[in-house]
Amino acid sequence: MDLVVVLSPAPEHATVEEITGTDGDMEVSNERAFVTKHHDTVRGAQGDARPWMEIEIPDHLRMVPPSDLDVSVQGLAQLYAASRT
């Protein structure tokens, strides 16, 4: 599968990453890059005629337990945990 990652222009402090593959496209976004209370939104589409649909991340794919920490801190913990496996 070919993969292209594009950082798209977004409102100030927001993040949007687009991942284009041969089987479909994904978009990961959040209204803020840091100090946010909301988890990233993940959407996907396959083919030009298909609508974008939100993709829920199953709990069993999360490597650290839920907590009251800021979501950006939880994301960093997820990256650290993934790097240790």
Protein backbone atom coordinates (compact mmCIF):
# COMPACT_ATOMS: atom_id res chain seq x y z
CA MET A 1 0.00 0.00 0.00
CA ASP A 2 1.31 3.45 -0.91
CA LEU A 3 0.96 6.09 1.78
CA VAL A 4 1.24 9.89 1.69
CA VAL A 5 0.91 12.06 4.81
CA VAL A 6 -0.02 15.73 4.31
CA LEU A 7 -0.17 18.42 6.99
CA SER A 8 -3.04 20.64 5.86
CA PRO A 9 -3.56 24.30 6.65
CA ALA A 10 -5.78 24.53 9.72
CA PRO A 11 -7.11 27.27 11.98
CA GLU A 12 -4.59 28.67 14.44
CA HIS A 13 -3.48 26.03 16.98
CA ALA A 14 -5.52 23.28 15.25
CA THR A 15 -4.05 20.14 13.74
CA VAL A 16 -5.15 18.26 10.62
CA GLU A 17 -3.20 15.35 9.16
CA GLU A 18 -4.33 13.70 5.95
CA ILE A 19 -3.17 10.17 5.12
CA THR A 20 -3.71 9.13 1.52
CA GLY A 21 -3.41 5.46 0.66
CA THR A 22 -4.17 3.27 -2.33
CA ASP A 23 -7.23 1.79 -0.55
CA GLY A 24 -8.65 5.02 0.87
CA ASP A 25 -7.93 8.20 2.79
CA MET A 26 -7.87 9.12 6.48
CA GLU A 27 -7.96 12.43 8.28
CA VAL A 28 -6.88 12.96 11.90
CA SER A 29 -7.84 16.32 13.37
CA ASN A 30 -8.21 18.23 16.62
CA GLU A 31 -9.19 21.83 17.30
CA ARG A 32 -5.93 22.33 19.22
CA ALA A 33 -2.49 20.75 18.99
CA PHE A 34 -1.82 20.98 22.75
CA VAL A 35 -3.74 21.62 25.97
CA THR A 36 -7.00 20.13 24.75
CA LYS A 37 -9.80 18.23 26.42
CA HIS A 38 -10.94 16.47 23.22
CA HIS A 39 -9.41 13.39 21.65
CA ASP A 40 -8.44 13.48 17.99
CA THR A 41 -11.20 12.93 15.46
CA VAL A 42 -10.39 10.20 12.93
CA ARG A 43 -12.36 10.05 9.67
CA GLY A 44 -11.94 7.81 6.64
CA ALA A 45 -13.25 7.40 3.10
CA GLN A 46 -12.73 4.89 0.30
CA GLY A 47 -13.12 6.07 -3.28
CA ASP A 48 -14.22 9.44 -4.60
CA ALA A 49 -17.95 8.75 -4.26
CA ARG A 50 -17.86 7.56 -0.64
CA PRO A 51 -18.60 10.02 2.19
CA TRP A 52 -16.17 10.71 5.02
CA MET A 53 -17.15 8.71 8.11
CA GLU A 54 -15.87 9.03 11.66
CA ILE A 55 -13.81 6.06 12.85
CA GLU A 56 -13.98 5.18 16.55
CA ILE A 57 -10.70 4.01 18.10
CA PRO A 58 -11.42 0.83 20.10
CA ASP A 59 -10.29 0.88 23.74
CA HIS A 60 -8.22 -2.29 23.24
CA LEU A 61 -5.90 -0.31 20.91
CA ARG A 62 -5.09 2.26 23.59
CA MET A 63 -1.83 1.43 25.35
CA VAL A 64 -2.32 3.55 28.48
CA PRO A 65 -5.38 3.55 30.74
CA PRO A 66 -7.87 6.44 30.61
CA SER A 67 -7.09 9.27 33.02
CA ASP A 68 -7.97 12.86 33.88
CA LEU A 69 -4.72 14.09 32.33
CA ASP A 70 -4.94 16.59 29.49
CA VAL A 71 -5.64 14.73 26.23
CA SER A 72 -2.40 16.02 24.67
CA VAL A 73 -0.47 14.48 27.61
CA GLN A 74 -2.37 11.21 27.15
CA GLY A 75 -1.42 11.27 23.45
CA LEU A 76 2.24 11.68 24.34
CA ALA A 77 1.97 8.75 26.76
CA GLN A 78 0.42 6.65 23.96
CA LEU A 79 3.36 7.48 21.66
CA TYR A 80 5.89 6.63 24.38
CA ALA A 81 4.12 3.33 25.14
CA ALA A 82 4.03 2.45 21.42
CA SER A 83 7.76 3.17 21.09
CA ARG A 84 8.51 0.73 23.92
CA THR A 85 6.76 -2.26 22.28
